Amino acid sequence: MGALDSFEALQAWADATVEHRERLNGRGECTLGTLAGELSTADERSIRLRRQEPRG
């Protein structure tokens, strides 16, 4: 896989990740979840949003 330097490249990576998980029948580490976790702790806006009260 090449560089993730565009939304199209990110979409292609995400599609490939989902296809890989489907081949494994959902077993193993969730790459998308891991990425989301990494981004949510690195991005100040995400950190502020997580600190807000949950919407009901």
PDB file of N, CA and C in Angstrom:
ATOM      1  N   MET A   1       0.847  -1.163   0.000  1.00  0.00           N
ATOM      2  CA  MET A   1       0.000   0.000   0.000  1.00  0.00           C
ATOM      3  C   MET A   1       0.890   1.222   0.000  1.00  0.00           C
ATOM      4  N   GLY A   2       0.495   2.227  -0.744  1.00  0.00           N
ATOM      5  CA  GLY A   2       1.286   3.452  -0.833  1.00  0.00           C
ATOM      6  C   GLY A   2       0.994   4.420   0.298  1.00  0.00           C
ATOM      7  N   ALA A   3       1.383   5.649   0.085  1.00  0.00           N
ATOM      8  CA  ALA A   3       1.212   6.702   1.085  1.00  0.00           C
ATOM      9  C   ALA A   3      -0.273   7.023   1.276  1.00  0.00           C
ATOM     10  N   LEU A   4      -0.633   7.366   2.495  1.00  0.00           N
ATOM     11  CA  LEU A   4      -2.002   7.793   2.793  1.00  0.00           C
ATOM     12  C   LEU A   4      -2.039   9.320   2.742  1.00  0.00           C
ATOM     13  N   ASP A   5      -1.922   9.840   1.521  1.00  0.00           N
ATOM     14  CA  ASP A   5      -1.788  11.283   1.353  1.00  0.00           C
ATOM     15  C   ASP A   5      -3.007  11.944   0.725  1.00  0.00           C
ATOM     16  N   SER A   6      -4.129  11.219   0.692  1.00  0.00           N
ATOM     17  CA  SER A   6      -5.375  11.790   0.166  1.00  0.00           C
ATOM     18  C   SER A   6      -6.548  11.018   0.766  1.00  0.00           C
ATOM     19  N   PHE A   7      -7.733  11.603   0.662  1.00  0.00           N
ATOM     20  CA  PHE A   7      -8.907  10.889   1.153  1.00  0.00           C
ATOM     21  C   PHE A   7      -9.153   9.612   0.353  1.00  0.00           C
ATOM     22  N   GLU A   8      -8.840   9.645  -0.931  1.00  0.00           N
ATOM     23  CA  GLU A   8      -9.003   8.453  -1.760  1.00  0.00           C
ATOM     24  C   GLU A   8      -8.071   7.339  -1.298  1.00  0.00           C
ATOM     25  N   ALA A   9      -6.842   7.687  -0.978  1.00  0.00           N
ATOM     26  CA  ALA A   9      -5.882   6.690  -0.491  1.00  0.00           C
ATOM     27  C   ALA A   9      -6.326   6.146   0.864  1.00  0.00           C
ATOM     28  N   LEU A  10      -6.838   7.011   1.729  1.00  0.00           N
ATOM     29  CA  LEU A  10      -7.333   6.567   3.028  1.00  0.00           C
ATOM     30  C   LEU A  10      -8.529   5.641   2.858  1.00  0.00           C
ATOM     31  N   GLN A  11      -9.423   5.954   1.919  1.00  0.00           N
ATOM     32  CA  GLN A  11     -10.577   5.105   1.664  1.00  0.00           C
ATOM     33  C   GLN A  11     -10.138   3.740   1.135  1.00  0.00           C
ATOM     34  N   ALA A  12      -9.151   3.722   0.239  1.00  0.00           N
ATOM     35  CA  ALA A  12      -8.642   2.458  -0.292  1.00  0.00           C
ATOM     36  C   ALA A  12      -8.031   1.616   0.830  1.00  0.00           C
ATOM     37  N   TRP A  13      -7.290   2.256   1.736  1.00  0.00           N
ATOM     38  CA  TRP A  13      -6.710   1.543   2.870  1.00  0.00           C
ATOM     39  C   TRP A  13      -7.802   0.978   3.763  1.00  0.00           C
ATOM     40  N   ALA A  14      -8.815   1.790   4.063  1.00  0.00           N
ATOM     41  CA  ALA A  14      -9.910   1.337   4.911  1.00  0.00           C
ATOM     42  C   ALA A  14     -10.652   0.170   4.261  1.00  0.00           C
ATOM     43  N   ASP A  15     -10.908   0.258   2.964  1.00  0.00           N
ATOM     44  CA  ASP A  15     -11.574  -0.834   2.247  1.00  0.00           C
ATOM     45  C   ASP A  15     -10.754  -2.118   2.329  1.00  0.00           C
ATOM     46  N   ALA A  16      -9.440  -1.994   2.116  1.00  0.00           N
ATOM     47  CA  ALA A  16      -8.566  -3.169   2.182  1.00  0.00           C
ATOM     48  C   ALA A  16      -8.550  -3.753   3.595  1.00  0.00           C
ATOM     49  N   THR A  17      -8.590  -2.885   4.599  1.00  0.00           N
ATOM     50  CA  THR A  17      -8.602  -3.333   5.986  1.00  0.00           C
ATOM     51  C   THR A  17      -9.877  -4.112   6.291  1.00  0.00           C
ATOM     52  N   VAL A  18     -11.015  -3.602   5.839  1.00  0.00           N
ATOM     53  CA  VAL A  18     -12.293  -4.282   6.059  1.00  0.00           C
ATOM     54  C   VAL A  18     -12.304  -5.633   5.336  1.00  0.00           C
ATOM     55  N   GLU A  19     -11.825  -5.675   4.111  1.00  0.00           N
ATOM     56  CA  GLU A  19     -11.770  -6.936   3.356  1.00  0.00           C
ATOM     57  C   GLU A  19     -10.885  -7.955   4.084  1.00  0.00           C
ATOM     58  N   HIS A  20      -9.760  -7.481   4.614  1.00  0.00           N
ATOM     59  CA  HIS A  20      -8.860  -8.372   5.351  1.00  0.00           C
ATOM     60  C   HIS A  20      -9.567  -8.948   6.579  1.00  0.00           C
ATOM     61  N   ARG A  21     -10.266  -8.097   7.326  1.00  0.00           N
ATOM     62  CA  ARG A  21     -11.001  -8.560   8.512  1.00  0.00           C
ATOM     63  C   ARG A  21     -12.080  -9.564   8.133  1.00  0.00           C
ATOM     64  N   GLU A  22     -12.742  -9.348   6.995  1.00  0.00           N
ATOM     65  CA  GLU A  22     -13.767 -10.287   6.546  1.00  0.00           C
ATOM     66  C   GLU A  22     -13.158 -11.647   6.240  1.00  0.00           C
ATOM     67  N   ARG A  23     -11.959 -11.660   5.635  1.00  0.00           N
ATOM     68  CA  ARG A  23     -11.281 -12.925   5.347  1.00  0.00           C
ATOM     69  C   ARG A  23     -10.912 -13.666   6.623  1.00  0.00           C
ATOM     70  N   LEU A  24     -10.661 -12.903   7.698  1.00  0.00           N
ATOM     71  CA  LEU A  24     -10.309 -13.511   8.983  1.00  0.00           C
ATOM     72  C   LEU A  24     -11.547 -13.799   9.837  1.00  0.00           C
ATOM     73  N   ASN A  25     -12.730 -13.580   9.267  1.00  0.00           N
ATOM     74  CA  ASN A  25     -13.987 -13.755  10.006  1.00  0.00           C
ATOM     75  C   ASN A  25     -14.028 -12.911  11.278  1.00  0.00           C
ATOM     76  N   GLY A  26     -13.430 -11.712  11.208  1.00  0.00           N
ATOM     77  CA  GLY A  26     -13.471 -10.786  12.332  1.00  0.00           C
ATOM     78  C   GLY A  26     -12.507 -11.082  13.456  1.00  0.00           C
ATOM     79  N   ARG A  27     -11.657 -12.083  13.297  1.00  0.00           N
ATOM     80  CA  ARG A  27     -10.696 -12.426  14.360  1.00  0.00           C
ATOM     81  C   ARG A  27      -9.494 -11.487  14.303  1.00  0.00           C
ATOM     82  N   GLY A  28      -8.902 -11.269  15.459  1.00  0.00           N
ATOM     83  CA  GLY A  28      -7.683 -10.477  15.523  1.00  0.00           C
ATOM     84  C   GLY A  28      -7.940  -9.021  15.856  1.00  0.00           C
ATOM     85  N   GLU A  29      -6.875  -8.272  15.792  1.00  0.00           N
ATOM     86  CA  GLU A  29      -6.915  -6.858  16.146  1.00  0.00           C
ATOM     87  C   GLU A  29      -7.731  -6.059  15.138  1.00  0.00           C
ATOM     88  N   CYS A  30      -8.479  -5.094  15.632  1.00  0.00           N
ATOM     89  CA  CYS A  30      -9.258  -4.221  14.768  1.00  0.00           C
ATOM     90  C   CYS A  30      -8.409  -3.003  14.411  1.00  0.00           C
ATOM     91  N   THR A  31      -7.875  -2.995  13.216  1.00  0.00           N
ATOM     92  CA  THR A  31      -6.979  -1.925  12.782  1.00  0.00           C
ATOM     93  C   THR A  31      -7.684  -0.580  12.774  1.00  0.00           C
ATOM     94  N   LEU A  32      -8.936  -0.538  12.320  1.00  0.00           N
ATOM     95  CA  LEU A  32      -9.671   0.730  12.298  1.00  0.00           C
ATOM     96  C   LEU A  32      -9.904   1.246  13.719  1.00  0.00           C
ATOM     97  N   GLY A  33     -10.237   0.357  14.631  1.00  0.00           N
ATOM     98  CA  GLY A  33     -10.419   0.759  16.018  1.00  0.00           C
ATOM     99  C   GLY A  33      -9.133   1.255  16.645  1.00  0.00           C
ATOM    100  N   THR A  34      -8.032   0.598  16.330  1.00  0.00           N
ATOM    101  CA  THR A  34      -6.734   1.019  16.836  1.00  0.00           C
ATOM    102  C   THR A  34      -6.382   2.404  16.317  1.00  0.00           C
ATOM    103  N   LEU A  35      -6.605   2.635  15.034  1.00  0.00           N
ATOM    104  CA  LEU A  35      -6.335   3.940  14.439  1.00  0.00           C
ATOM    105  C   LEU A  35      -7.202   5.011  15.090  1.00  0.00           C
ATOM    106  N   ALA A  36      -8.481   4.728  15.267  1.00  0.00           N
ATOM    107  CA  ALA A  36      -9.386   5.697  15.896  1.00  0.00           C
ATOM    108  C   ALA A  36      -8.921   6.028  17.308  1.00  0.00           C
ATOM    109  N   GLY A  37      -8.494   5.014  18.047  1.00  0.00           N
ATOM    110  CA  GLY A  37      -7.989   5.251  19.387  1.00  0.00           C
ATOM    111  C   GLY A  37      -6.750   6.118  19.403  1.00  0.00           C
ATOM    112  N   GLU A  38      -5.860   5.867  18.478  1.00  0.00           N
ATOM    113  CA  GLU A  38      -4.635   6.661  18.389  1.00  0.00           C
ATOM    114  C   GLU A  38      -4.949   8.105  18.031  1.00  0.00           C
ATOM    115  N   LEU A  39      -5.829   8.301  17.069  1.00  0.00           N
ATOM    116  CA  LEU A  39      -6.160   9.656  16.632  1.00  0.00           C
ATOM    117  C   LEU A  39      -6.917  10.421  17.704  1.00  0.00           C
ATOM    118  N   SER A  40      -7.790   9.731  18.420  1.00  0.00           N
ATOM    119  CA  SER A  40      -8.608  10.432  19.410  1.00  0.00           C
ATOM    120  C   SER A  40      -7.790  10.947  20.584  1.00  0.00           C
ATOM    121  N   THR A  41      -6.655  10.329  20.862  1.00  0.00           N
ATOM    122  CA  THR A  41      -5.826  10.813  21.964  1.00  0.00           C
ATOM    123  C   THR A  41      -4.769  11.807  21.490  1.00  0.00           C
ATOM    124  N   ALA A  42      -4.595  11.933  20.185  1.00  0.00           N
ATOM    125  CA  ALA A  42      -3.571  12.819  19.649  1.00  0.00           C
ATOM    126  C   ALA A  42      -4.142  14.155  19.178  1.00  0.00           C
ATOM    127  N   ASP A  43      -5.447  14.211  18.987  1.00  0.00           N
ATOM    128  CA  ASP A  43      -6.082  15.394  18.422  1.00  0.00           C
ATOM    129  C   ASP A  43      -6.768  16.190  19.529  1.00  0.00           C
ATOM    130  N   GLU A  44      -6.375  17.444  19.701  1.00  0.00           N
ATOM    131  CA  GLU A  44      -6.924  18.276  20.769  1.00  0.00           C
ATOM    132  C   GLU A  44      -8.440  18.429  20.673  1.00  0.00           C
ATOM    133  N   ARG A  45      -8.969  18.575  19.473  1.00  0.00           N
ATOM    134  CA  ARG A  45     -10.419  18.723  19.313  1.00  0.00           C
ATOM    135  C   ARG A  45     -11.138  17.456  19.773  1.00  0.00           C
ATOM    136  N   SER A  46     -10.598  16.301  19.418  1.00  0.00           N
ATOM    137  CA  SER A  46     -11.195  15.038  19.844  1.00  0.00           C
ATOM    138  C   SER A  46     -11.169  14.894  21.359  1.00  0.00           C
ATOM    139  N   ILE A  47     -10.071  15.316  21.962  1.00  0.00           N
ATOM    140  CA  ILE A  47      -9.959  15.244  23.415  1.00  0.00           C
ATOM    141  C   ILE A  47     -11.016  16.127  24.063  1.00  0.00           C
ATOM    142  N   ARG A  48     -11.186  17.343  23.556  1.00  0.00           N
ATOM    143  CA  ARG A  48     -12.204  18.234  24.115  1.00  0.00           C
ATOM    144  C   ARG A  48     -13.598  17.662  23.941  1.00  0.00           C
ATOM    145  N   LEU A  49     -13.888  17.075  22.789  1.00  0.00           N
ATOM    146  CA  LEU A  49     -15.212  16.501  22.542  1.00  0.00           C
ATOM    147  C   LEU A  49     -15.489  15.332  23.482  1.00  0.00           C
ATOM    148  N   ARG A  50     -14.490  14.508  23.755  1.00  0.00           N
ATOM    149  CA  ARG A  50     -14.676  13.376  24.660  1.00  0.00           C
ATOM    150  C   ARG A  50     -14.959  13.820  26.086  1.00  0.00           C
ATOM    151  N   ARG A  51     -14.461  14.992  26.468  1.00  0.00           N
ATOM    152  CA  ARG A  51     -14.653  15.495  27.825  1.00  0.00           C
ATOM    153  C   ARG A  51     -16.055  16.066  28.044  1.00  0.00           C
ATOM    154  N   GLN A  52     -16.773  16.335  26.953  1.00  0.00           N
ATOM    155  CA  GLN A  52     -18.122  16.894  27.075  1.00  0.00           C
ATOM    156  C   GLN A  52     -19.086  15.846  27.583  1.00  0.00           C
ATOM    157  N   GLU A  53     -20.206  16.320  28.129  1.00  0.00           N
ATOM    158  CA  GLU A  53     -21.273  15.423  28.596  1.00  0.00           C
ATOM    159  C   GLU A  53     -21.815  14.631  27.413  1.00  0.00           C
ATOM    160  N   PRO A  54     -22.113  13.354  27.637  1.00  0.00           N
ATOM    161  CA  PRO A  54     -22.734  12.561  26.564  1.00  0.00           C
ATOM    162  C   PRO A  54     -24.105  13.125  26.209  1.00  0.00           C
ATOM    163  N   ARG A  55     -24.414  13.053  24.947  1.00  0.00           N
ATOM    164  CA  ARG A  55     -25.724  13.511  24.487  1.00  0.00           C
ATOM    165  C   ARG A  55     -26.736  12.410  24.692  1.00  0.00           C
ATOM    166  N   GLY A  56     -27.922  12.754  25.135  1.00  0.00           N
ATOM    167  CA  GLY A  56     -28.929  11.752  25.424  1.00  0.00           C
ATOM    168  C   GLY A  56     -30.048  11.698  24.495  1.00  0.00           C
TER     169      GLY A  56
END
